[in-house]
Structures are given as C-alpha cells and as structure tokens.
Amino acid sequence: VSVCLSKGLGAPVGSLVAGTTDQIAEARV
C-alpha cells in the first residue's frame, strides 16, 4: 500500500509505502 501525506492531509512533503518486512527492506535499498 502507498499513502500520501502531502495531498488532503496538508504536509509539505512525503508519502509512505507499507508491506511486509522483506518488501520494505528491499524498498529501502
């Protein structure tokens, strides 16, 4: 899942991607 903080929530920058520990470890790379 991806979610955004800089659209309706009004933050100046930033989104997040969420999944399994392995998926996020690979995403960090």
PDB file of all heavy atoms in Angstrom:
ATOM      1  N   VAL A   1       0.848  -1.196   0.000  1.00  0.00           N
ATOM      2  CA  VAL A   1       0.000   0.000   0.000  1.00  0.00           C
ATOM      3  C   VAL A   1       0.882   1.245   0.000  1.00  0.00           C
ATOM      4  O   VAL A   1       1.914   1.283   0.680  1.00  0.00           O
ATOM      5  CB  VAL A   1      -0.901   0.045   1.256  1.00  0.00           C
ATOM      6  CG1 VAL A   1      -1.846   1.248   1.212  1.00  0.00           C
ATOM      7  CG2 VAL A   1      -1.696  -1.246   1.412  1.00  0.00           C
ATOM      8  N   SER A   2       0.481   2.245  -0.765  1.00  0.00           N
ATOM      9  CA  SER A   2       1.128   3.560  -0.659  1.00  0.00           C
ATOM     10  C   SER A   2       0.095   4.573  -0.189  1.00  0.00           C
ATOM     11  O   SER A   2      -1.075   4.514  -0.586  1.00  0.00           O
ATOM     12  CB  SER A   2       1.712   3.990  -2.012  1.00  0.00           C
ATOM     13  OG  SER A   2       0.725   3.979  -3.023  1.00  0.00           O
ATOM     14  N   VAL A   3       0.518   5.483   0.668  1.00  0.00           N
ATOM     15  CA  VAL A   3      -0.347   6.560   1.155  1.00  0.00           C
ATOM     16  C   VAL A   3       0.432   7.871   1.114  1.00  0.00           C
ATOM     17  O   VAL A   3       1.660   7.880   1.220  1.00  0.00           O
ATOM     18  CB  VAL A   3      -0.860   6.306   2.592  1.00  0.00           C
ATOM     19  CG1 VAL A   3      -1.861   5.157   2.624  1.00  0.00           C
ATOM     20  CG2 VAL A   3       0.297   6.043   3.557  1.00  0.00           C
ATOM     21  N   CYS A   4      -0.294   8.972   0.950  1.00  0.00           N
ATOM     22  CA  CYS A   4       0.342  10.284   0.804  1.00  0.00           C
ATOM     23  C   CYS A   4      -0.032  11.194   1.956  1.00  0.00           C
ATOM     24  O   CYS A   4      -1.179  11.190   2.420  1.00  0.00           O
ATOM     25  CB  CYS A   4      -0.085  10.908  -0.532  1.00  0.00           C
ATOM     26  SG  CYS A   4       0.775  12.447  -0.909  1.00  0.00           S
ATOM     27  N   LEU A   5       0.925  11.994   2.399  1.00  0.00           N
ATOM     28  CA  LEU A   5       0.705  12.969   3.460  1.00  0.00           C
ATOM     29  C   LEU A   5       0.579  14.391   2.926  1.00  0.00           C
ATOM     30  O   LEU A   5       0.150  15.285   3.644  1.00  0.00           O
ATOM     31  CB  LEU A   5       1.865  12.916   4.461  1.00  0.00           C
ATOM     32  CG  LEU A   5       2.131  11.560   5.115  1.00  0.00           C
ATOM     33  CD1 LEU A   5       3.446  11.588   5.873  1.00  0.00           C
ATOM     34  CD2 LEU A   5       0.983  11.170   6.038  1.00  0.00           C
ATOM     35  N   SER A   6       0.969  14.605   1.667  1.00  0.00           N
ATOM     36  CA  SER A   6       1.039  15.966   1.126  1.00  0.00           C
ATOM     37  C   SER A   6      -0.145  16.319   0.234  1.00  0.00           C
ATOM     38  O   SER A   6      -0.132  17.336  -0.436  1.00  0.00           O
ATOM     39  CB  SER A   6       2.346  16.162   0.338  1.00  0.00           C
ATOM     40  OG  SER A   6       2.389  15.303  -0.782  1.00  0.00           O
ATOM     41  N   LYS A   7      -1.162  15.480   0.226  1.00  0.00           N
ATOM     42  CA  LYS A   7      -2.380  15.818  -0.506  1.00  0.00           C
ATOM     43  C   LYS A   7      -3.404  16.312   0.511  1.00  0.00           C
ATOM     44  O   LYS A   7      -3.236  17.368   1.085  1.00  0.00           O
ATOM     45  CB  LYS A   7      -2.847  14.630  -1.339  1.00  0.00           C
ATOM     46  CG  LYS A   7      -1.867  14.310  -2.473  1.00  0.00           C
ATOM     47  CD  LYS A   7      -2.386  13.248  -3.406  1.00  0.00           C
ATOM     48  CE  LYS A   7      -1.475  13.082  -4.616  1.00  0.00           C
ATOM     49  NZ  LYS A   7      -0.164  12.517  -4.295  1.00  0.00           N
ATOM     50  N   GLY A   8      -4.460  15.565   0.763  1.00  0.00           N
ATOM     51  CA  GLY A   8      -5.500  16.070   1.655  1.00  0.00           C
ATOM     52  C   GLY A   8      -5.035  16.395   3.055  1.00  0.00           C
ATOM     53  O   GLY A   8      -5.638  17.229   3.735  1.00  0.00           O
ATOM     54  N   LEU A   9      -3.967  15.749   3.518  1.00  0.00           N
ATOM     55  CA  LEU A   9      -3.531  15.978   4.904  1.00  0.00           C
ATOM     56  C   LEU A   9      -2.686  17.226   5.064  1.00  0.00           C
ATOM     57  O   LEU A   9      -2.413  17.648   6.186  1.00  0.00           O
ATOM     58  CB  LEU A   9      -2.773  14.753   5.426  1.00  0.00           C
ATOM     59  CG  LEU A   9      -3.573  13.452   5.486  1.00  0.00           C
ATOM     60  CD1 LEU A   9      -2.821  12.406   6.301  1.00  0.00           C
ATOM     61  CD2 LEU A   9      -4.961  13.673   6.060  1.00  0.00           C
ATOM     62  N   GLY A  10      -2.214  17.813   3.974  1.00  0.00           N
ATOM     63  CA  GLY A  10      -1.596  19.134   4.052  1.00  0.00           C
ATOM     64  C   GLY A  10      -0.153  19.194   4.475  1.00  0.00           C
ATOM     65  O   GLY A  10       0.365  20.277   4.760  1.00  0.00           O
ATOM     66  N   ALA A  11       0.561  18.059   4.548  1.00  0.00           N
ATOM     67  CA  ALA A  11       2.001  18.119   4.827  1.00  0.00           C
ATOM     68  C   ALA A  11       2.724  18.635   3.578  1.00  0.00           C
ATOM     69  O   ALA A  11       2.242  18.460   2.464  1.00  0.00           O
ATOM     70  CB  ALA A  11       2.531  16.743   5.208  1.00  0.00           C
ATOM     71  N   PRO A  12       3.881  19.280   3.744  1.00  0.00           N
ATOM     72  CA  PRO A  12       4.565  19.835   2.572  1.00  0.00           C
ATOM     73  C   PRO A  12       5.215  18.786   1.683  1.00  0.00           C
ATOM     74  O   PRO A  12       5.403  19.020   0.488  1.00  0.00           O
ATOM     75  CB  PRO A  12       5.617  20.769   3.186  1.00  0.00           C
ATOM     76  CG  PRO A  12       5.877  20.203   4.538  1.00  0.00           C
ATOM     77  CD  PRO A  12       4.563  19.647   5.005  1.00  0.00           C
ATOM     78  N   VAL A  13       5.573  17.642   2.252  1.00  0.00           N
ATOM     79  CA  VAL A  13       6.314  16.610   1.523  1.00  0.00           C
ATOM     80  C   VAL A  13       5.985  15.261   2.151  1.00  0.00           C
ATOM     81  O   VAL A  13       5.795  15.171   3.361  1.00  0.00           O
ATOM     82  CB  VAL A  13       7.845  16.850   1.629  1.00  0.00           C
ATOM     83  CG1 VAL A  13       8.617  15.637   1.140  1.00  0.00           C
ATOM     84  CG2 VAL A  13       8.270  18.072   0.843  1.00  0.00           C
ATOM     85  N   GLY A  14       5.937  14.221   1.320  1.00  0.00           N
ATOM     86  CA  GLY A  14       6.021  12.886   1.896  1.00  0.00           C
ATOM     87  C   GLY A  14       4.898  11.927   1.614  1.00  0.00           C
ATOM     88  O   GLY A  14       3.722  12.291   1.634  1.00  0.00           O
ATOM     89  N   SER A  15       5.273  10.679   1.334  1.00  0.00           N
ATOM     90  CA  SER A  15       4.375   9.545   1.215  1.00  0.00           C
ATOM     91  C   SER A  15       5.032   8.361   1.900  1.00  0.00           C
ATOM     92  O   SER A  15       6.214   8.421   2.259  1.00  0.00           O
ATOM     93  CB  SER A  15       4.110   9.217  -0.257  1.00  0.00           C
ATOM     94  OG  SER A  15       3.324  10.200  -0.885  1.00  0.00           O
ATOM     95  N   LEU A  16       4.277   7.290   2.074  1.00  0.00           N
ATOM     96  CA  LEU A  16       4.845   6.072   2.645  1.00  0.00           C
ATOM     97  C   LEU A  16       4.385   4.875   1.845  1.00  0.00           C
ATOM     98  O   LEU A  16       3.287   4.870   1.267  1.00  0.00           O
ATOM     99  CB  LEU A  16       4.427   5.878   4.107  1.00  0.00           C
ATOM    100  CG  LEU A  16       4.985   6.915   5.086  1.00  0.00           C
ATOM    101  CD1 LEU A  16       3.930   7.953   5.401  1.00  0.00           C
ATOM    102  CD2 LEU A  16       5.492   6.255   6.361  1.00  0.00           C
ATOM    103  N   VAL A  17       5.236   3.851   1.797  1.00  0.00           N
ATOM    104  CA  VAL A  17       4.882   2.557   1.234  1.00  0.00           C
ATOM    105  C   VAL A  17       4.925   1.559   2.373  1.00  0.00           C
ATOM    106  O   VAL A  17       5.834   1.592   3.213  1.00  0.00           O
ATOM    107  CB  VAL A  17       5.822   2.165   0.076  1.00  0.00           C
ATOM    108  CG1 VAL A  17       7.275   2.185   0.482  1.00  0.00           C
ATOM    109  CG2 VAL A  17       5.451   0.792  -0.483  1.00  0.00           C
ATOM    110  N   ALA A  18       3.915   0.690   2.447  1.00  0.00           N
ATOM    111  CA  ALA A  18       3.808  -0.258   3.555  1.00  0.00           C
ATOM    112  C   ALA A  18       3.558  -1.662   3.032  1.00  0.00           C
ATOM    113  O   ALA A  18       2.822  -1.858   2.057  1.00  0.00           O
ATOM    114  CB  ALA A  18       2.672   0.160   4.494  1.00  0.00           C
ATOM    115  N   GLY A  19       4.180  -2.629   3.683  1.00  0.00           N
ATOM    116  CA  GLY A  19       4.012  -4.020   3.283  1.00  0.00           C
ATOM    117  C   GLY A  19       4.684  -4.929   4.288  1.00  0.00           C
ATOM    118  O   GLY A  19       4.754  -4.616   5.479  1.00  0.00           O
ATOM    119  N   THR A  20       5.225  -6.045   3.814  1.00  0.00           N
ATOM    120  CA  THR A  20       5.922  -6.959   4.701  1.00  0.00           C
ATOM    121  C   THR A  20       7.305  -6.401   5.056  1.00  0.00           C
ATOM    122  O   THR A  20       7.821  -5.500   4.382  1.00  0.00           O
ATOM    123  CB  THR A  20       6.103  -8.337   4.043  1.00  0.00           C
ATOM    124  OG1 THR A  20       6.979  -8.194   2.911  1.00  0.00           O
ATOM    125  CG2 THR A  20       4.769  -8.912   3.585  1.00  0.00           C
ATOM    126  N   THR A  21       7.901  -6.980   6.077  1.00  0.00           N
ATOM    127  CA  THR A  21       9.250  -6.562   6.465  1.00  0.00           C
ATOM    128  C   THR A  21      10.226  -6.732   5.311  1.00  0.00           C
ATOM    129  O   THR A  21      11.067  -5.859   5.052  1.00  0.00           O
ATOM    130  CB  THR A  21       9.720  -7.384   7.683  1.00  0.00           C
ATOM    131  OG1 THR A  21       8.797  -7.175   8.767  1.00  0.00           O
ATOM    132  CG2 THR A  21      11.109  -6.962   8.127  1.00  0.00           C
ATOM    133  N   ASP A  22      10.120  -7.839   4.595  1.00  0.00           N
ATOM    134  CA  ASP A  22      11.028  -8.075   3.475  1.00  0.00           C
ATOM    135  C   ASP A  22      10.796  -7.080   2.344  1.00  0.00           C
ATOM    136  O   ASP A  22      11.758  -6.592   1.726  1.00  0.00           O
ATOM    137  CB  ASP A  22      10.863  -9.502   2.945  1.00  0.00           C
ATOM    138  CG  ASP A  22      11.433 -10.553   3.894  1.00  0.00           C
ATOM    139  OD1 ASP A  22      12.203 -10.188   4.802  1.00  0.00           O
ATOM    140  OD2 ASP A  22      11.085 -11.739   3.722  1.00  0.00           O
ATOM    141  N   GLN A  23       9.540  -6.804   2.034  1.00  0.00           N
ATOM    142  CA  GLN A  23       9.245  -5.831   0.978  1.00  0.00           C
ATOM    143  C   GLN A  23       9.825  -4.464   1.310  1.00  0.00           C
ATOM    144  O   GLN A  23      10.403  -3.791   0.443  1.00  0.00           O
ATOM    145  CB  GLN A  23       7.734  -5.705   0.786  1.00  0.00           C
ATOM    146  CG  GLN A  23       7.084  -6.852   0.050  1.00  0.00           C
ATOM    147  CD  GLN A  23       5.574  -6.712   0.017  1.00  0.00           C
ATOM    148  OE1 GLN A  23       4.948  -6.308   0.993  1.00  0.00           O
ATOM    149  NE2 GLN A  23       4.969  -7.064  -1.116  1.00  0.00           N
ATOM    150  N   ILE A  24       9.692  -4.046   2.539  1.00  0.00           N
ATOM    151  CA  ILE A  24      10.156  -2.712   2.923  1.00  0.00           C
ATOM    152  C   ILE A  24      11.680  -2.674   3.007  1.00  0.00           C
ATOM    153  O   ILE A  24      12.305  -1.650   2.685  1.00  0.00           O
ATOM    154  CB  ILE A  24       9.501  -2.267   4.242  1.00  0.00           C
ATOM    155  CG1 ILE A  24       7.979  -2.203   4.060  1.00  0.00           C
ATOM    156  CG2 ILE A  24      10.039  -0.916   4.691  1.00  0.00           C
ATOM    157  CD1 ILE A  24       7.503  -1.395   2.856  1.00  0.00           C
ATOM    158  N   ALA A  25      12.307  -3.769   3.389  1.00  0.00           N
ATOM    159  CA  ALA A  25      13.778  -3.822   3.373  1.00  0.00           C
ATOM    160  C   ALA A  25      14.287  -3.644   1.947  1.00  0.00           C
ATOM    161  O   ALA A  25      15.257  -2.906   1.695  1.00  0.00           O
ATOM    162  CB  ALA A  25      14.256  -5.136   3.970  1.00  0.00           C
ATOM    163  N   GLU A  26      13.655  -4.314   0.998  1.00  0.00           N
ATOM    164  CA  GLU A  26      14.047  -4.165  -0.402  1.00  0.00           C
ATOM    165  C   GLU A  26      13.733  -2.753  -0.898  1.00  0.00           C
ATOM    166  O   GLU A  26      14.518  -2.149  -1.642  1.00  0.00           O
ATOM    167  CB  GLU A  26      13.316  -5.188  -1.270  1.00  0.00           C
ATOM    168  CG  GLU A  26      13.724  -5.130  -2.733  1.00  0.00           C
ATOM    169  CD  GLU A  26      12.956  -6.099  -3.612  1.00  0.00           C
ATOM    170  OE1 GLU A  26      11.795  -6.423  -3.285  1.00  0.00           O
ATOM    171  OE2 GLU A  26      13.513  -6.518  -4.643  1.00  0.00           O
ATOM    172  N   ALA A  27      12.588  -2.224  -0.485  1.00  0.00           N
ATOM    173  CA  ALA A  27      12.212  -0.864  -0.899  1.00  0.00           C
ATOM    174  C   ALA A  27      13.216   0.158  -0.393  1.00  0.00           C
ATOM    175  O   ALA A  27      13.530   1.136  -1.081  1.00  0.00           O
ATOM    176  CB  ALA A  27      10.811  -0.528  -0.382  1.00  0.00           C
ATOM    177  N   ARG A  28      13.750  -0.065   0.795  1.00  0.00           N
ATOM    178  CA  ARG A  28      14.750   0.862   1.339  1.00  0.00           C
ATOM    179  C   ARG A  28      16.007   0.874   0.462  1.00  0.00           C
ATOM    180  O   ARG A  28      16.596   1.929   0.213  1.00  0.00           O
ATOM    181  CB  ARG A  28      15.105   0.491   2.780  1.00  0.00           C
ATOM    182  CG  ARG A  28      16.106   1.426   3.436  1.00  0.00           C
ATOM    183  CD  ARG A  28      16.331   1.069   4.890  1.00  0.00           C
ATOM    184  NE  ARG A  28      15.210   1.484   5.718  1.00  0.00           N
ATOM    185  CZ  ARG A  28      15.064   2.707   6.232  1.00  0.00           C
ATOM    186  NH1 ARG A  28      15.979   3.649   5.997  1.00  0.00           N
ATOM    187  NH2 ARG A  28      14.032   3.003   6.971  1.00  0.00           N
ATOM    188  N   VAL A  29      16.403  -0.290  -0.024  1.00  0.00           N
ATOM    189  CA  VAL A  29      17.562  -0.375  -0.917  1.00  0.00           C
ATOM    190  C   VAL A  29      17.274   0.383  -2.214  1.00  0.00           C
ATOM    191  O   VAL A  29      18.095   1.182  -2.688  1.00  0.00           O
ATOM    192  CB  VAL A  29      17.916  -1.845  -1.211  1.00  0.00           C
ATOM    193  CG1 VAL A  29      18.988  -1.937  -2.298  1.00  0.00           C
ATOM    194  CG2 VAL A  29      18.382  -2.541   0.063  1.00  0.00           C
TER     195      VAL A  29
END
